[in-house]
Amino acid sequence: MEAAACLFHGFSDRSRLRIVQHLALGEHRVVDLTGHLGLAQSTVSRHLSCLLDCGIVTVRAQGRASVYALAHPEATLALLGAAERLLGLAGDAVTLCPQHGKTGSS
């Protein structure tokens, strides 16, 4: 369960989820992601570091830039699809959760 909790922590932030969604479309540099997401470079880099540490993304050098991609695109997309199905079944309960919902601490 510890490994699963660590994996889900990688997906537990909205910005990281948005990064993963963009990487599902293909490889991106940090500068590309900052432009797409409207986030600071330091914020994107911090989230990419977390995703890299969790094994969710990979990185490769391209000249002076680092290019990020999903480490396991099919499995990641399957997990996100399963999450969408579960959210559809759970309805508002997730967003109303006193611990992690809109009014809870994130």
C-alpha atoms as a PDB file:
ATOM      1  CA  MET A   1       0.000   0.000   0.000  1.00  0.00           C
ATOM      2  CA  GLU A   2       2.916   2.337   0.635  1.00  0.00           C
ATOM      3  CA  ALA A   3       3.972   2.250  -3.019  1.00  0.00           C
ATOM      4  CA  ALA A   4       0.385   2.893  -4.161  1.00  0.00           C
ATOM      5  CA  ALA A   5       0.103   5.859  -1.779  1.00  0.00           C
ATOM      6  CA  CYS A   6       3.346   7.284  -3.183  1.00  0.00           C
ATOM      7  CA  LEU A   7       2.124   6.788  -6.744  1.00  0.00           C
ATOM      8  CA  PHE A   8      -1.178   8.518  -6.058  1.00  0.00           C
ATOM      9  CA  HIS A   9       0.670  11.359  -4.351  1.00  0.00           C
ATOM     10  CA  GLY A  10       2.298  12.022  -7.718  1.00  0.00           C
ATOM     11  CA  PHE A  11      -1.170  12.609  -9.156  1.00  0.00           C
ATOM     12  CA  SER A  12      -2.545  14.483  -6.135  1.00  0.00           C
ATOM     13  CA  ASP A  13      -1.885  18.016  -7.363  1.00  0.00           C
ATOM     14  CA  ARG A  14      -3.939  19.810 -10.043  1.00  0.00           C
ATOM     15  CA  SER A  15      -0.839  21.229 -11.702  1.00  0.00           C
ATOM     16  CA  ARG A  16       0.816  17.809 -11.879  1.00  0.00           C
ATOM     17  CA  LEU A  17      -2.349  16.359 -13.410  1.00  0.00           C
ATOM     18  CA  ARG A  18      -2.383  19.133 -15.994  1.00  0.00           C
ATOM     19  CA  ILE A  19       1.276  18.431 -16.786  1.00  0.00           C
ATOM     20  CA  VAL A  20       0.502  14.728 -17.204  1.00  0.00           C
ATOM     21  CA  GLN A  21      -2.396  15.603 -19.533  1.00  0.00           C
ATOM     22  CA  HIS A  22      -0.074  17.688 -21.712  1.00  0.00           C
ATOM     23  CA  LEU A  23       2.581  14.975 -21.728  1.00  0.00           C
ATOM     24  CA  ALA A  24      -0.095  12.516 -22.890  1.00  0.00           C
ATOM     25  CA  LEU A  25      -0.059  14.527 -26.136  1.00  0.00           C
ATOM     26  CA  GLY A  26       3.686  14.038 -26.537  1.00  0.00           C
ATOM     27  CA  GLU A  27       7.037  15.246 -25.301  1.00  0.00           C
ATOM     28  CA  HIS A  28       7.378  18.759 -23.901  1.00  0.00           C
ATOM     29  CA  ARG A  29      10.145  21.010 -22.700  1.00  0.00           C
ATOM     30  CA  VAL A  30       9.686  22.984 -19.488  1.00  0.00           C
ATOM     31  CA  VAL A  31       9.286  26.195 -21.515  1.00  0.00           C
ATOM     32  CA  ASP A  32       6.488  24.553 -23.537  1.00  0.00           C
ATOM     33  CA  LEU A  33       4.664  23.517 -20.373  1.00  0.00           C
ATOM     34  CA  THR A  34       5.008  26.953 -18.764  1.00  0.00           C
ATOM     35  CA  GLY A  35       3.433  28.475 -21.871  1.00  0.00           C
ATOM     36  CA  HIS A  36       0.589  25.963 -22.024  1.00  0.00           C
ATOM     37  CA  LEU A  37      -0.202  26.051 -18.314  1.00  0.00           C
ATOM     38  CA  GLY A  38       0.547  29.670 -17.429  1.00  0.00           C
ATOM     39  CA  LEU A  39       2.739  28.565 -14.523  1.00  0.00           C
ATOM     40  CA  ALA A  40       6.159  29.814 -13.464  1.00  0.00           C
ATOM     41  CA  GLN A  41       9.173  27.846 -14.671  1.00  0.00           C
ATOM     42  CA  SER A  42      10.146  27.033 -11.084  1.00  0.00           C
ATOM     43  CA  THR A  43       6.662  25.627 -10.382  1.00  0.00           C
ATOM     44  CA  VAL A  44       6.670  23.441 -13.493  1.00  0.00           C
ATOM     45  CA  SER A  45      10.200  22.229 -12.724  1.00  0.00           C
ATOM     46  CA  ARG A  46       9.240  21.354  -9.139  1.00  0.00           C
ATOM     47  CA  HIS A  47       6.205  19.359 -10.298  1.00  0.00           C
ATOM     48  CA  LEU A  48       8.214  17.612 -13.022  1.00  0.00           C
ATOM     49  CA  SER A  49      10.791  16.666 -10.408  1.00  0.00           C
ATOM     50  CA  CYS A  50       8.055  15.036  -8.304  1.00  0.00           C
ATOM     51  CA  LEU A  51       6.665  13.187 -11.326  1.00  0.00           C
ATOM     52  CA  LEU A  52      10.174  12.072 -12.267  1.00  0.00           C
ATOM     53  CA  ASP A  53      10.868  10.839  -8.729  1.00  0.00           C
ATOM     54  CA  CYS A  54       7.579   8.894  -8.798  1.00  0.00           C
ATOM     55  CA  GLY A  55       8.517   7.238 -12.094  1.00  0.00           C
ATOM     56  CA  ILE A  56       5.579   8.825 -13.904  1.00  0.00           C
ATOM     57  CA  VAL A  57       7.721  10.798 -16.381  1.00  0.00           C
ATOM     58  CA  THR A  58      11.111  10.451 -18.025  1.00  0.00           C
ATOM     59  CA  VAL A  59      13.537  13.138 -19.118  1.00  0.00           C
ATOM     60  CA  ARG A  60      16.137  13.304 -21.850  1.00  0.00           C
ATOM     61  CA  ALA A  61      18.545  15.999 -22.902  1.00  0.00           C
ATOM     62  CA  GLN A  62      17.993  17.757 -26.213  1.00  0.00           C
ATOM     63  CA  GLY A  63      20.742  20.297 -26.656  1.00  0.00           C
ATOM     64  CA  ARG A  64      20.557  22.556 -23.615  1.00  0.00           C
ATOM     65  CA  ALA A  65      16.915  21.708 -22.952  1.00  0.00           C
ATOM     66  CA  SER A  66      15.364  18.833 -21.042  1.00  0.00           C
ATOM     67  CA  VAL A  67      12.492  17.051 -22.757  1.00  0.00           C
ATOM     68  CA  TYR A  68       9.888  15.286 -20.615  1.00  0.00           C
ATOM     69  CA  ALA A  69       7.578  12.435 -21.581  1.00  0.00           C
ATOM     70  CA  LEU A  70       5.290   9.978 -19.840  1.00  0.00           C
ATOM     71  CA  ALA A  71       7.281   6.950 -18.687  1.00  0.00           C
ATOM     72  CA  HIS A  72       4.374   4.549 -19.272  1.00  0.00           C
ATOM     73  CA  PRO A  73       1.833   6.365 -21.455  1.00  0.00           C
ATOM     74  CA  GLU A  74      -0.655   3.505 -21.916  1.00  0.00           C
ATOM     75  CA  ALA A  75      -0.771   2.628 -18.217  1.00  0.00           C
ATOM     76  CA  THR A  76      -0.994   6.295 -17.206  1.00  0.00           C
ATOM     77  CA  LEU A  77      -3.877   6.940 -19.612  1.00  0.00           C
ATOM     78  CA  ALA A  78      -5.629   3.784 -18.380  1.00  0.00           C
ATOM     79  CA  LEU A  79      -5.271   4.970 -14.774  1.00  0.00           C
ATOM     80  CA  LEU A  80      -6.621   8.425 -15.610  1.00  0.00           C
ATOM     81  CA  GLY A  81      -9.525   6.835 -17.521  1.00  0.00           C
ATOM     82  CA  ALA A  82     -10.327   4.633 -14.530  1.00  0.00           C
ATOM     83  CA  ALA A  83     -10.210   7.704 -12.280  1.00  0.00           C
ATOM     84  CA  GLU A  84     -12.696   9.487 -14.563  1.00  0.00           C
ATOM     85  CA  ARG A  85     -15.044   6.485 -14.421  1.00  0.00           C
ATOM     86  CA  LEU A  86     -14.816   6.348 -10.618  1.00  0.00           C
ATOM     87  CA  LEU A  87     -15.418  10.094 -10.381  1.00  0.00           C
ATOM     88  CA  GLY A  88     -18.506   9.662 -12.539  1.00  0.00           C
ATOM     89  CA  LEU A  89     -19.797   7.041 -10.110  1.00  0.00           C
ATOM     90  CA  ALA A  90     -18.861   8.952  -6.957  1.00  0.00           C
ATOM     91  CA  GLY A  91     -20.433  12.170  -8.203  1.00  0.00           C
ATOM     92  CA  ASP A  92     -20.215  15.167  -5.888  1.00  0.00           C
ATOM     93  CA  ALA A  93     -18.973  13.101  -2.950  1.00  0.00           C
ATOM     94  CA  VAL A  94     -15.353  13.635  -3.991  1.00  0.00           C
ATOM     95  CA  THR A  95     -15.560  17.417  -4.245  1.00  0.00           C
ATOM     96  CA  LEU A  96     -17.628  17.621  -1.069  1.00  0.00           C
ATOM     97  CA  CYS A  97     -15.169  15.503   0.942  1.00  0.00           C
ATOM     98  CA  PRO A  98     -14.315  17.446   4.124  1.00  0.00           C
ATOM     99  CA  GLN A  99     -10.701  16.214   4.004  1.00  0.00           C
ATOM    100  CA  HIS A 100      -9.725  16.732   0.366  1.00  0.00           C
ATOM    101  CA  GLY A 101     -12.668  18.354  -1.422  1.00  0.00           C
ATOM    102  CA  LYS A 102     -13.089  21.973  -2.443  1.00  0.00           C
ATOM    103  CA  THR A 103     -13.630  23.064   1.152  1.00  0.00           C
ATOM    104  CA  GLY A 104     -11.037  20.683   2.679  1.00  0.00           C
ATOM    105  CA  SER A 105      -7.300  21.097   2.867  1.00  0.00           C
ATOM    106  CA  SER A 106      -5.467  20.103  -0.318  1.00  0.00           C
END
